[in-house]
Amino acid sequence: MFLRTFALTTAAACAFAGSAFAQSQPYEQLRPAPQGWTVDLGVGALYSKDSGGDTGSQTTVVPWVSANYRDVVYVNAIDGLGWNAIKTDDFRAGLQLRPRFSPDDIEGLDLDRPDFGADLAAYAYKRLPGNIVVGGRVSRDVTDVSEGTEYYASVGHQRVTPVGLLNASVYARGGDAKLADAYYGVSTAEAARNGIDAYSPGSGLQGAGASLVLLVPIGDKWGAGALVNYERRLGDVADSPLSQEDDTIRTGVFFARRFGG
C-alpha cells in the first residue's frame, strides 16, 4: 500500500520547475542541463479515489527523492532506473528498469494479488513544433510476477504561464492477456472463495487518461507544484468483477528542493 501510494504521489514530481519531465521527454529546456549530479528531496500529499481497484479513497503524505546525472542516467520512484541511450535536443530514447507496484487489496474479497515486481522498458519520445512531445514505451515484466507486456503512448504539451510551468498530457495504455489476467483476472479458486464469477481478460486497450501538472519555482533551488489526473479503465479490464469502479481520480500537491546541478 505505502509503495503504491508513494508512486502515485510522485507522478507529478519527476523533476521541478524549469526541467519537468526532462529525464525521458525532450521538452524545450528553460535552463541548461545539469553538468553533474542533481538530487531532489521533497514531500507530497495525494488524494486518490479508487486507485487500486477498490471503491475507497484516501489522502496520504509521503516523501520524495530522485537523482539525475546530466539528463543521461536518472532514478526515481516512478521511472525506476533509466538511461537515455539517445539524447538530442528534440529526441530521447532509452531503457528503464521500472518498478511495478502491487495493487491494493479489495475490501470484502480474498484474492491472490500480484507482488511487487519490475519491468524492463524501451521508450522513445519526439518533440514536435509548439513544444508538443509524442512517444511511448513498451515494457515487459522481468520478475515473474505476471510475465506480461504493457504498451503506453502519450501526447503532451508544456508551456510557461504567469503562475508557473504547466504540463498537459493525454495517454492510453494496453497490454497482453498475461498482464491483464495478473491484475484483473479471477481464478477458479478465487471465484469459489468469494462467490464471484471466474474471469480471464484478454489483450487490448486497458485504460486512457489525462493529467495536468503545474510546477512553480521558488528561487533557484525550491519548487512547488500540483497535479490532477483522471483515468478510465477500458476493454476487458473494465469488465472485470475486480473493477468495481471504472474511473480513477488523483489530486496532489508537493514541495521539493534541488541539490547540486
Foldseek 3Di string as FASTA:
>chain_A
DVLVVVQVFCPQPPDFFQQGPVLAAQFQGNDAFAQAKKKKKKKKKKWKACPFLAGDIDIDIDIWMKMDTRSAWIATSAQGTWGFPDDDNFKTKTKTWGKDCWGDDYPQFDDDTFHIFTKIKIWMWGADPQRKIWIWMKIATPGPRQRKIKTKIKIKHWDADPAGIKIKMKMWMWIAQSVLCNRQFADPVRCVVRVHDGGRFGTDTFKIWMKMKGWGDDPDWKIKIKMKIKMFTDGPSCVGPSNPDGIMIMIMMMMMTMDHD
